[in-house]
Amino acid sequence: MNRTPPLDFTATCPVQAAPGDRVRLAHGGGGALMHRLIERLFLPAFANPALEARHDGAVLEVDAGRIAFTTDTFVVRPLFFPGGDIGSLAVNGTVNDLAMCGARPLWLSAGFVLEEGFPLADLERIVRSMREAAAAAGVALVTGDTKVVEAGKGDGVFVNTAGIGRVETALEIAPRAVRPGDAVIVSGDIGRHGLAVLAAREEIAFATTLESDCAPLARPVLAMLEAGIEVHCLRDLTRGGLAAALIEIAEAAGVAIELDEAAIPVSEPVRGASELLGLDPLYIANEGRFVAILPESEAERAQAVLARAGCAEAARIGRVQACAGGVTLRTVIGSRRPLDLPSGEQLPRIC
């Protein structure tokens, strides 16, 4: 049989001899480039004994008791924005979900979906940001995965993270623990993350630069629990913002919550930008803010503990009522406005 190739045949090799400065499909193929990416970028960035085992997963020692487990996927656009990027967002978002369970975050995994042609310099910047965020939160990234999709089939990079934490309190921290008469406390000013991402994406220039509030929340939460404060429920204010978080809690708990608009901390830059763009700060996403619902008798002490833990603007903003009635806002002019879940997204691709 004649095996001579046709004249238009061109021999090609799917694995490039040198990695270059961009992600290639071969970086996800399990071969030399993938191993080089892991060895030269991921392993040095997240070095710890569990990761260095280089196994399909991590074997971890845990004490007897309860653990919290969560997972999330991050698809923010743009990837880099004032106050953070997709890397810090992925770490803090997962750490914060664990903290809302009353857990001390311990370990993370990370899955990267990279688009062919993505600059390796940008990937290194994201990995470095993740390493710094993990160090600040006191967690270790112990296992991960990398996949590469063809150019045009992704959006630069997507990051999936999962987290495990140890629950060190006997309290049940959940909507069903909420009681009539409880106070509602927010840990700080709201609305900065969503507007910072929007301004970066649409290249909107405001008089004052808006920076994301992206930050880990375990420290203030654990400070309250270690102080013996009887926390009934916690929720971080991500997509849907303050309003959506409290509506979900009220529905799950079968109670009503009344908020005092004048007490809700909103910075002047956020207030001005929201008015200009026709947005409501109550529905704008945050990545470093949470609400705590706890007995009214504990509210003043909780605010003091939060202030010492870095939440200087923590404020008592509302009260839980006995009837089932969703969430109502008492406005600055004295009227009452019911808050509903949004039918769509004010700001797409913010986390």
Foldseek 3Di string as FASTA:
>chain_A
DDPDDDPPDDDDDQDDPDCPFWAAQVCAVPDDNVVCCCVVAVCVLQPDPQQVVVDQHGDDDDDPDDKDKDKDKAQFPPQDFFAAGSLLLQQQQQLQVRVQQQFQWEEKEKEKEAETGQGNVVVNVSSNNNSVQCVQSVYGYRYYHYHYDYHPPGDGMMMMMMTMTGRPDPAGAALQQFDAQWWKKKLAAFFQLQVRSVCVRVVPDDPDRGHAPAHHDNQLSNLCVVVVFRWHGKDAQFAQGQQVVQLVSLVVNQWEKEWEVVFHHHDPRRVVVCVVVVHDRRGHGHNNMMMIIGHPVCVVVSQVSSCVSPSVSMTGTIGIHHHRDGYWYQYPVGDIDHGDRDPDGPGPRSD
